[in-house]
Amino acid sequence: MNTARHHLDWRAGARSLDDRAVAALALGAIGLFLFNIAFGPIAIGLGAAAATRRHAGTADRVAGLIGVALGVADLAVLAVLTINQMRGGGLSWPL
């Protein structure tokens, strides 16, 4: 029996995400902990570009919007830490 004809490739129907969406997700997630002043706006820009792309699929739009949300969260974390520093607290994560 020839098994080559019956071999199913698990990647045959899989479609990868747009590179901009992946970068927005990665930078947004990393930006929550490191360099949020730089990674937040970049994640917002890349996420918006991925979400509003003309031929973007649903997964690309969702990933882009999540990247935008993570970028906004990066800037919110920066604001909280900055306000904490201005009020005399240390610039660190409260545990």
PDB file of N, CA and C in Angstrom:
ATOM      1  N   MET A   1       0.842  -1.178   0.000  1.00  0.00           N
ATOM      2  CA  MET A   1       0.000   0.000   0.000  1.00  0.00           C
ATOM      3  C   MET A   1       0.887   1.242   0.000  1.00  0.00           C
ATOM      4  N   ASN A   2       0.587   2.160  -0.843  1.00  0.00           N
ATOM      5  CA  ASN A   2       1.354   3.392  -0.947  1.00  0.00           C
ATOM      6  C   ASN A   2       0.779   4.423   0.027  1.00  0.00           C
ATOM      7  N   THR A   3       1.566   4.742   1.057  1.00  0.00           N
ATOM      8  CA  THR A   3       1.082   5.690   2.070  1.00  0.00           C
ATOM      9  C   THR A   3       1.353   7.137   1.685  1.00  0.00           C
ATOM     10  N   ALA A   4       2.108   7.379   0.646  1.00  0.00           N
ATOM     11  CA  ALA A   4       2.431   8.753   0.247  1.00  0.00           C
ATOM     12  C   ALA A   4       1.181   9.506  -0.189  1.00  0.00           C
ATOM     13  N   ARG A   5       0.237   8.806  -0.811  1.00  0.00           N
ATOM     14  CA  ARG A   5      -0.987   9.470  -1.266  1.00  0.00           C
ATOM     15  C   ARG A   5      -1.885   9.861  -0.104  1.00  0.00           C
ATOM     16  N   HIS A   6      -1.783   9.149   1.004  1.00  0.00           N
ATOM     17  CA  HIS A   6      -2.685   9.377   2.129  1.00  0.00           C
ATOM     18  C   HIS A   6      -2.071  10.250   3.211  1.00  0.00           C
ATOM     19  N   HIS A   7      -0.879  10.727   2.965  1.00  0.00           N
ATOM     20  CA  HIS A   7      -0.206  11.559   3.955  1.00  0.00           C
ATOM     21  C   HIS A   7      -0.842  12.952   3.976  1.00  0.00           C
ATOM     22  N   LEU A   8      -1.246  13.382   5.146  1.00  0.00           N
ATOM     23  CA  LEU A   8      -1.837  14.705   5.303  1.00  0.00           C
ATOM     24  C   LEU A   8      -0.805  15.654   5.905  1.00  0.00           C
ATOM     25  N   ASP A   9      -0.661  16.783   5.298  1.00  0.00           N
ATOM     26  CA  ASP A   9       0.237  17.800   5.827  1.00  0.00           C
ATOM     27  C   ASP A   9      -0.564  18.691   6.764  1.00  0.00           C
ATOM     28  N   TRP A  10      -0.151  18.801   8.021  1.00  0.00           N
ATOM     29  CA  TRP A  10      -0.888  19.577   9.002  1.00  0.00           C
ATOM     30  C   TRP A  10      -0.843  21.059   8.688  1.00  0.00           C
ATOM     31  N   ARG A  11       0.107  21.498   7.862  1.00  0.00           N
ATOM     32  CA  ARG A  11       0.207  22.903   7.504  1.00  0.00           C
ATOM     33  C   ARG A  11      -0.533  23.233   6.216  1.00  0.00           C
ATOM     34  N   ALA A  12      -1.186  22.293   5.619  1.00  0.00           N
ATOM     35  CA  ALA A  12      -1.810  22.516   4.313  1.00  0.00           C
ATOM     36  C   ALA A  12      -2.854  23.632   4.357  1.00  0.00           C
ATOM     37  N   GLY A  13      -3.686  23.658   5.385  1.00  0.00           N
ATOM     38  CA  GLY A  13      -4.727  24.670   5.454  1.00  0.00           C
ATOM     39  C   GLY A  13      -4.383  25.826   6.373  1.00  0.00           C
ATOM     40  N   ALA A  14      -3.221  25.755   6.995  1.00  0.00           N
ATOM     41  CA  ALA A  14      -2.849  26.799   7.940  1.00  0.00           C
ATOM     42  C   ALA A  14      -2.372  28.051   7.214  1.00  0.00           C
ATOM     43  N   ARG A  15      -2.743  29.185   7.754  1.00  0.00           N
ATOM     44  CA  ARG A  15      -2.324  30.462   7.194  1.00  0.00           C
ATOM     45  C   ARG A  15      -1.630  31.235   8.299  1.00  0.00           C
ATOM     46  N   SER A  16      -0.459  31.736   8.001  1.00  0.00           N
ATOM     47  CA  SER A  16       0.294  32.445   9.031  1.00  0.00           C
ATOM     48  C   SER A  16      -0.202  33.890   9.148  1.00  0.00           C
ATOM     49  N   LEU A  17       0.081  34.478  10.286  1.00  0.00           N
ATOM     50  CA  LEU A  17      -0.304  35.870  10.524  1.00  0.00           C
ATOM     51  C   LEU A  17       0.615  36.810   9.762  1.00  0.00           C
ATOM     52  N   ASP A  18       0.117  37.992   9.521  1.00  0.00           N
ATOM     53  CA  ASP A  18       0.902  39.047   8.904  1.00  0.00           C
ATOM     54  C   ASP A  18       2.068  39.397   9.827  1.00  0.00           C
ATOM     55  N   ASP A  19       3.221  39.704   9.246  1.00  0.00           N
ATOM     56  CA  ASP A  19       4.404  40.025  10.038  1.00  0.00           C
ATOM     57  C   ASP A  19       4.185  41.239  10.930  1.00  0.00           C
ATOM     58  N   ARG A  20       3.421  42.205  10.453  1.00  0.00           N
ATOM     59  CA  ARG A  20       3.142  43.390  11.273  1.00  0.00           C
ATOM     60  C   ARG A  20       2.314  43.030  12.500  1.00  0.00           C
ATOM     61  N   ALA A  21       1.380  42.121  12.342  1.00  0.00           N
ATOM     62  CA  ALA A  21       0.551  41.709  13.478  1.00  0.00           C
ATOM     63  C   ALA A  21       1.382  40.957  14.507  1.00  0.00           C
ATOM     64  N   VAL A  22       2.267  40.092  14.031  1.00  0.00           N
ATOM     65  CA  VAL A  22       3.130  39.335  14.945  1.00  0.00           C
ATOM     66  C   VAL A  22       4.064  40.283  15.691  1.00  0.00           C
ATOM     67  N   ALA A  23       4.643  41.250  14.972  1.00  0.00           N
ATOM     68  CA  ALA A  23       5.538  42.216  15.610  1.00  0.00           C
ATOM     69  C   ALA A  23       4.795  43.071  16.625  1.00  0.00           C
ATOM     70  N   ALA A  24       3.562  43.465  16.309  1.00  0.00           N
ATOM     71  CA  ALA A  24       2.767  44.265  17.247  1.00  0.00           C
ATOM     72  C   ALA A  24       2.475  43.476  18.516  1.00  0.00           C
ATOM     73  N   LEU A  25       2.128  42.205  18.376  1.00  0.00           N
ATOM     74  CA  LEU A  25       1.873  41.367  19.546  1.00  0.00           C
ATOM     75  C   LEU A  25       3.126  41.204  20.388  1.00  0.00           C
ATOM     76  N   ALA A  26       4.248  40.921  19.735  1.00  0.00           N
ATOM     77  CA  ALA A  26       5.491  40.694  20.463  1.00  0.00           C
ATOM     78  C   ALA A  26       5.965  41.965  21.170  1.00  0.00           C
ATOM     79  N   LEU A  27       5.992  43.076  20.451  1.00  0.00           N
ATOM     80  CA  LEU A  27       6.465  44.319  21.060  1.00  0.00           C
ATOM     81  C   LEU A  27       5.514  44.813  22.142  1.00  0.00           C
ATOM     82  N   GLY A  28       4.221  44.610  21.938  1.00  0.00           N
ATOM     83  CA  GLY A  28       3.260  45.012  22.965  1.00  0.00           C
ATOM     84  C   GLY A  28       3.414  44.203  24.239  1.00  0.00           C
ATOM     85  N   ALA A  29       3.648  42.910  24.099  1.00  0.00           N
ATOM     86  CA  ALA A  29       3.813  42.050  25.278  1.00  0.00           C
ATOM     87  C   ALA A  29       5.126  42.351  25.992  1.00  0.00           C
ATOM     88  N   ILE A  30       6.193  42.499  25.241  1.00  0.00           N
ATOM     89  CA  ILE A  30       7.491  42.801  25.847  1.00  0.00           C
ATOM     90  C   ILE A  30       7.473  44.191  26.470  1.00  0.00           C
ATOM     91  N   GLY A  31       6.771  45.115  25.832  1.00  0.00           N
ATOM     92  CA  GLY A  31       6.708  46.485  26.308  1.00  0.00           C
ATOM     93  C   GLY A  31       6.021  46.648  27.654  1.00  0.00           C
ATOM     94  N   LEU A  32       5.252  45.658  28.083  1.00  0.00           N
ATOM     95  CA  LEU A  32       4.647  45.734  29.410  1.00  0.00           C
ATOM     96  C   LEU A  32       5.707  45.697  30.504  1.00  0.00           C
ATOM     97  N   PHE A  33       6.869  45.127  30.187  1.00  0.00           N
ATOM     98  CA  PHE A  33       7.921  44.948  31.183  1.00  0.00           C
ATOM     99  C   PHE A  33       9.194  45.744  30.888  1.00  0.00           C
ATOM    100  N   LEU A  34       9.498  45.958  29.613  1.00  0.00           N
ATOM    101  CA  LEU A  34      10.744  46.625  29.221  1.00  0.00           C
ATOM    102  C   LEU A  34      10.481  47.691  28.170  1.00  0.00           C
ATOM    103  N   PHE A  35      11.129  48.822  28.291  1.00  0.00           N
ATOM    104  CA  PHE A  35      11.135  49.867  27.266  1.00  0.00           C
ATOM    105  C   PHE A  35       9.737  50.240  26.764  1.00  0.00           C
ATOM    106  N   ASN A  36       8.790  50.376  27.690  1.00  0.00           N
ATOM    107  CA  ASN A  36       7.414  50.649  27.265  1.00  0.00           C
ATOM    108  C   ASN A  36       7.261  51.998  26.585  1.00  0.00           C
ATOM    109  N   ILE A  37       8.169  52.931  26.828  1.00  0.00           N
ATOM    110  CA  ILE A  37       8.074  54.232  26.164  1.00  0.00           C
ATOM    111  C   ILE A  37       8.368  54.107  24.664  1.00  0.00           C
ATOM    112  N   ALA A  38       9.146  53.110  24.265  1.00  0.00           N
ATOM    113  CA  ALA A  38       9.457  52.906  22.846  1.00  0.00           C
ATOM    114  C   ALA A  38       8.568  51.836  22.220  1.00  0.00           C
ATOM    115  N   PHE A  39       8.393  50.719  22.924  1.00  0.00           N
ATOM    116  CA  PHE A  39       7.662  49.594  22.342  1.00  0.00           C
ATOM    117  C   PHE A  39       6.161  49.842  22.251  1.00  0.00           C
ATOM    118  N   GLY A  40       5.609  50.650  23.167  1.00  0.00           N
ATOM    119  CA  GLY A  40       4.171  50.937  23.141  1.00  0.00           C
ATOM    120  C   GLY A  40       3.725  51.613  21.856  1.00  0.00           C
ATOM    121  N   PRO A  41       4.314  52.759  21.498  1.00  0.00           N
ATOM    122  CA  PRO A  41       3.903  53.419  20.256  1.00  0.00           C
ATOM    123  C   PRO A  41       4.192  52.591  19.000  1.00  0.00           C
ATOM    124  N   ILE A  42       5.288  51.843  19.011  1.00  0.00           N
ATOM    125  CA  ILE A  42       5.592  50.998  17.847  1.00  0.00           C
ATOM    126  C   ILE A  42       4.531  49.905  17.712  1.00  0.00           C
ATOM    127  N   ALA A  43       4.135  49.295  18.842  1.00  0.00           N
ATOM    128  CA  ALA A  43       3.092  48.267  18.812  1.00  0.00           C
ATOM    129  C   ALA A  43       1.769  48.840  18.329  1.00  0.00           C
ATOM    130  N   ILE A  44       1.453  50.060  18.748  1.00  0.00           N
ATOM    131  CA  ILE A  44       0.211  50.705  18.296  1.00  0.00           C
ATOM    132  C   ILE A  44       0.257  50.921  16.787  1.00  0.00           C
ATOM    133  N   GLY A  45       1.363  51.432  16.285  1.00  0.00           N
ATOM    134  CA  GLY A  45       1.487  51.690  14.845  1.00  0.00           C
ATOM    135  C   GLY A  45       1.441  50.422  14.015  1.00  0.00           C
ATOM    136  N   LEU A  46       2.185  49.400  14.427  1.00  0.00           N
ATOM    137  CA  LEU A  46       2.193  48.149  13.668  1.00  0.00           C
ATOM    138  C   LEU A  46       0.845  47.433  13.756  1.00  0.00           C
ATOM    139  N   GLY A  47       0.223  47.481  14.926  1.00  0.00           N
ATOM    140  CA  GLY A  47      -1.088  46.849  15.082  1.00  0.00           C
ATOM    141  C   GLY A  47      -2.148  47.524  14.231  1.00  0.00           C
ATOM    142  N   ALA A  48      -2.109  48.849  14.192  1.00  0.00           N
ATOM    143  CA  ALA A  48      -3.069  49.580  13.359  1.00  0.00           C
ATOM    144  C   ALA A  48      -2.828  49.298  11.883  1.00  0.00           C
ATOM    145  N   ALA A  49      -1.568  49.202  11.484  1.00  0.00           N
ATOM    146  CA  ALA A  49      -1.251  48.894  10.084  1.00  0.00           C
ATOM    147  C   ALA A  49      -1.723  47.498   9.710  1.00  0.00           C
ATOM    148  N   ALA A  50      -1.566  46.549  10.620  1.00  0.00           N
ATOM    149  CA  ALA A  50      -2.009  45.180  10.337  1.00  0.00           C
ATOM    150  C   ALA A  50      -3.527  45.080  10.305  1.00  0.00           C
ATOM    151  N   ALA A  51      -4.200  45.803  11.204  1.00  0.00           N
ATOM    152  CA  ALA A  51      -5.662  45.706  11.293  1.00  0.00           C
ATOM    153  C   ALA A  51      -6.362  46.398  10.133  1.00  0.00           C
ATOM    154  N   THR A  52      -5.770  47.452   9.603  1.00  0.00           N
ATOM    155  CA  THR A  52      -6.437  48.210   8.544  1.00  0.00           C
ATOM    156  C   THR A  52      -5.926  47.862   7.154  1.00  0.00           C
ATOM    157  N   ARG A  53      -5.089  46.850   7.057  1.00  0.00           N
ATOM    158  CA  ARG A  53      -4.582  46.437   5.760  1.00  0.00           C
ATOM    159  C   ARG A  53      -5.732  45.972   4.868  1.00  0.00           C
ATOM    160  N   ARG A  54      -5.649  46.244   3.615  1.00  0.00           N
ATOM    161  CA  ARG A  54      -6.744  45.982   2.695  1.00  0.00           C
ATOM    162  C   ARG A  54      -7.106  44.496   2.616  1.00  0.00           C
ATOM    163  N   HIS A  55      -6.128  43.631   2.510  1.00  0.00           N
ATOM    164  CA  HIS A  55      -6.396  42.198   2.338  1.00  0.00           C
ATOM    165  C   HIS A  55      -6.175  41.421   3.631  1.00  0.00           C
ATOM    166  N   ALA A  56      -6.306  42.087   4.763  1.00  0.00           N
ATOM    167  CA  ALA A  56      -6.100  41.410   6.037  1.00  0.00           C
ATOM    168  C   ALA A  56      -7.250  40.463   6.326  1.00  0.00           C
ATOM    169  N   GLY A  57      -6.896  39.280   6.807  1.00  0.00           N
ATOM    170  CA  GLY A  57      -7.915  38.325   7.221  1.00  0.00           C
ATOM    171  C   GLY A  57      -8.392  38.644   8.624  1.00  0.00           C
ATOM    172  N   THR A  58      -9.345  37.871   9.088  1.00  0.00           N
ATOM    173  CA  THR A  58      -9.894  38.097  10.418  1.00  0.00           C
ATOM    174  C   THR A  58      -8.837  37.926  11.489  1.00  0.00           C
ATOM    175  N   ALA A  59      -7.994  36.912  11.353  1.00  0.00           N
ATOM    176  CA  ALA A  59      -6.946  36.676  12.348  1.00  0.00           C
ATOM    177  C   ALA A  59      -5.958  37.838  12.382  1.00  0.00           C
ATOM    178  N   ASP A  60      -5.625  38.390  11.214  1.00  0.00           N
ATOM    179  CA  ASP A  60      -4.717  39.540  11.161  1.00  0.00           C
ATOM    180  C   ASP A  60      -5.328  40.757  11.845  1.00  0.00           C
ATOM    181  N   ARG A  61      -6.606  40.980  11.629  1.00  0.00           N
ATOM    182  CA  ARG A  61      -7.282  42.127  12.260  1.00  0.00           C
ATOM    183  C   ARG A  61      -7.352  41.974  13.766  1.00  0.00           C
ATOM    184  N   VAL A  62      -7.691  40.782  14.222  1.00  0.00           N
ATOM    185  CA  VAL A  62      -7.775  40.546  15.665  1.00  0.00           C
ATOM    186  C   VAL A  62      -6.398  40.684  16.302  1.00  0.00           C
ATOM    187  N   ALA A  63      -5.383  40.099  15.688  1.00  0.00           N
ATOM    188  CA  ALA A  63      -4.020  40.205  16.224  1.00  0.00           C
ATOM    189  C   ALA A  63      -3.548  41.654  16.202  1.00  0.00           C
ATOM    190  N   GLY A  64      -3.883  42.391  15.158  1.00  0.00           N
ATOM    191  CA  GLY A  64      -3.519  43.804  15.096  1.00  0.00           C
ATOM    192  C   GLY A  64      -4.188  44.611  16.185  1.00  0.00           C
ATOM    193  N   LEU A  65      -5.468  44.354  16.428  1.00  0.00           N
ATOM    194  CA  LEU A  65      -6.189  45.079  17.475  1.00  0.00           C
ATOM    195  C   LEU A  65      -5.674  44.716  18.863  1.00  0.00           C
ATOM    196  N   ILE A  66      -5.290  43.463  19.061  1.00  0.00           N
ATOM    197  CA  ILE A  66      -4.690  43.072  20.338  1.00  0.00           C
ATOM    198  C   ILE A  66      -3.336  43.753  20.502  1.00  0.00           C
ATOM    199  N   GLY A  67      -2.578  43.881  19.410  1.00  0.00           N
ATOM    200  CA  GLY A  67      -1.311  44.602  19.457  1.00  0.00           C
ATOM    201  C   GLY A  67      -1.512  46.064  19.825  1.00  0.00           C
ATOM    202  N   VAL A  68      -2.555  46.679  19.281  1.00  0.00           N
ATOM    203  CA  VAL A  68      -2.876  48.073  19.642  1.00  0.00           C
ATOM    204  C   VAL A  68      -3.234  48.157  21.122  1.00  0.00           C
ATOM    205  N   ALA A  69      -4.044  47.230  21.599  1.00  0.00           N
ATOM    206  CA  ALA A  69      -4.438  47.238  23.013  1.00  0.00           C
ATOM    207  C   ALA A  69      -3.227  47.049  23.927  1.00  0.00           C
ATOM    208  N   LEU A  70      -2.311  46.176  23.539  1.00  0.00           N
ATOM    209  CA  LEU A  70      -1.101  45.986  24.341  1.00  0.00           C
ATOM    210  C   LEU A  70      -0.232  47.241  24.323  1.00  0.00           C
ATOM    211  N   GLY A  71      -0.166  47.914  23.176  1.00  0.00           N
ATOM    212  CA  GLY A  71       0.591  49.156  23.091  1.00  0.00           C
ATOM    213  C   GLY A  71       0.006  50.236  23.990  1.00  0.00           C
ATOM    214  N   VAL A  72      -1.311  50.330  24.018  1.00  0.00           N
ATOM    215  CA  VAL A  72      -1.972  51.294  24.902  1.00  0.00           C
ATOM    216  C   VAL A  72      -1.721  50.913  26.364  1.00  0.00           C
ATOM    217  N   ALA A  73      -1.741  49.619  26.661  1.00  0.00           N
ATOM    218  CA  ALA A  73      -1.453  49.164  28.023  1.00  0.00           C
ATOM    219  C   ALA A  73      -0.015  49.491  28.411  1.00  0.00           C
ATOM    220  N   ASP A  74       0.913  49.404  27.464  1.00  0.00           N
ATOM    221  CA  ASP A  74       2.306  49.789  27.732  1.00  0.00           C
ATOM    222  C   ASP A  74       2.382  51.237  28.184  1.00  0.00           C
ATOM    223  N   LEU A  75       1.682  52.110  27.471  1.00  0.00           N
ATOM    224  CA  LEU A  75       1.702  53.529  27.820  1.00  0.00           C
ATOM    225  C   LEU A  75       0.977  53.797  29.138  1.00  0.00           C
ATOM    226  N   ALA A  76      -0.047  53.009  29.432  1.00  0.00           N
ATOM    227  CA  ALA A  76      -0.747  53.152  30.715  1.00  0.00           C
ATOM    228  C   ALA A  76       0.167  52.739  31.872  1.00  0.00           C
ATOM    229  N   VAL A  77       0.922  51.671  31.685  1.00  0.00           N
ATOM    230  CA  VAL A  77       1.881  51.241  32.706  1.00  0.00           C
ATOM    231  C   VAL A  77       2.933  52.328  32.908  1.00  0.00           C
ATOM    232  N   LEU A  78       3.410  52.907  31.818  1.00  0.00           N
ATOM    233  CA  LEU A  78       4.385  53.992  31.914  1.00  0.00           C
ATOM    234  C   LEU A  78       3.811  55.169  32.694  1.00  0.00           C
ATOM    235  N   ALA A  79       2.552  55.516  32.431  1.00  0.00           N
ATOM    236  CA  ALA A  79       1.915  56.629  33.143  1.00  0.00           C
ATOM    237  C   ALA A  79       1.795  56.337  34.630  1.00  0.00           C
ATOM    238  N   VAL A  80       1.396  55.130  34.981  1.00  0.00           N
ATOM    239  CA  VAL A  80       1.264  54.762  36.395  1.00  0.00           C
ATOM    240  C   VAL A  80       2.620  54.814  37.090  1.00  0.00           C
ATOM    241  N   LEU A  81       3.651  54.276  36.460  1.00  0.00           N
ATOM    242  CA  LEU A  81       4.974  54.301  37.070  1.00  0.00           C
ATOM    243  C   LEU A  81       5.522  55.725  37.187  1.00  0.00           C
ATOM    244  N   THR A  82       5.237  56.560  36.195  1.00  0.00           N
ATOM    245  CA  THR A  82       5.696  57.950  36.239  1.00  0.00           C
ATOM    246  C   THR A  82       4.983  58.723  37.353  1.00  0.00           C
ATOM    247  N   ILE A  83       3.675  58.541  37.478  1.00  0.00           N
ATOM    248  CA  ILE A  83       2.922  59.201  38.550  1.00  0.00           C
ATOM    249  C   ILE A  83       3.409  58.723  39.907  1.00  0.00           C
ATOM    250  N   ASN A  84       3.678  57.439  40.024  1.00  0.00           N
ATOM    251  CA  ASN A  84       4.199  56.880  41.266  1.00  0.00           C
ATOM    252  C   ASN A  84       5.543  57.516  41.613  1.00  0.00           C
ATOM    253  N   GLN A  85       6.395  57.704  40.639  1.00  0.00           N
ATOM    254  CA  GLN A  85       7.695  58.321  40.863  1.00  0.00           C
ATOM    255  C   GLN A  85       7.547  59.782  41.277  1.00  0.00           C
ATOM    256  N   MET A  86       6.613  60.483  40.659  1.00  0.00           N
ATOM    257  CA  MET A  86       6.410  61.906  40.959  1.00  0.00           C
ATOM    258  C   MET A  86       5.853  62.115  42.367  1.00  0.00           C
ATOM    259  N   ARG A  87       5.137  61.149  42.878  1.00  0.00           N
ATOM    260  CA  ARG A  87       4.560  61.245  44.221  1.00  0.00           C
ATOM    261  C   ARG A  87       5.551  60.780  45.299  1.00  0.00           C
ATOM    262  N   GLY A  88       6.764  60.474  44.905  1.00  0.00           N
ATOM    263  CA  GLY A  88       7.776  60.111  45.889  1.00  0.00           C
ATOM    264  C   GLY A  88       7.999  58.621  46.038  1.00  0.00           C
ATOM    265  N   GLY A  89       7.244  57.813  45.313  1.00  0.00           N
ATOM    266  CA  GLY A  89       7.455  56.375  45.376  1.00  0.00           C
ATOM    267  C   GLY A  89       8.611  55.959  44.486  1.00  0.00           C
ATOM    268  N   GLY A  90       9.047  54.758  44.623  1.00  0.00           N
ATOM    269  CA  GLY A  90      10.115  54.257  43.771  1.00  0.00           C
ATOM    270  C   GLY A  90       9.572  53.865  42.412  1.00  0.00           C
ATOM    271  N   LEU A  91      10.422  53.870  41.424  1.00  0.00           N
ATOM    272  CA  LEU A  91      10.030  53.481  40.086  1.00  0.00           C
ATOM    273  C   LEU A  91      10.189  51.968  39.952  1.00  0.00           C
ATOM    274  N   SER A  92       9.229  51.236  40.516  1.00  0.00           N
ATOM    275  CA  SER A  92       9.303  49.774  40.495  1.00  0.00           C
ATOM    276  C   SER A  92       7.899  49.200  40.544  1.00  0.00           C
ATOM    277  N   TRP A  93       7.819  47.904  40.319  1.00  0.00           N
ATOM    278  CA  TRP A  93       6.538  47.213  40.374  1.00  0.00           C
ATOM    279  C   TRP A  93       6.154  46.983  41.830  1.00  0.00           C
ATOM    280  N   PRO A  94       4.961  47.387  42.217  1.00  0.00           N
ATOM    281  CA  PRO A  94       4.542  47.092  43.598  1.00  0.00           C
ATOM    282  C   PRO A  94       4.145  45.620  43.716  1.00  0.00           C
ATOM    283  N   LEU A  95       4.619  44.973  44.757  1.00  0.00           N
ATOM    284  CA  LEU A  95       4.300  43.550  44.961  1.00  0.00           C
ATOM    285  C   LEU A  95       3.403  43.352  46.143  1.00  0.00           C
TER     286      LEU A  95
END
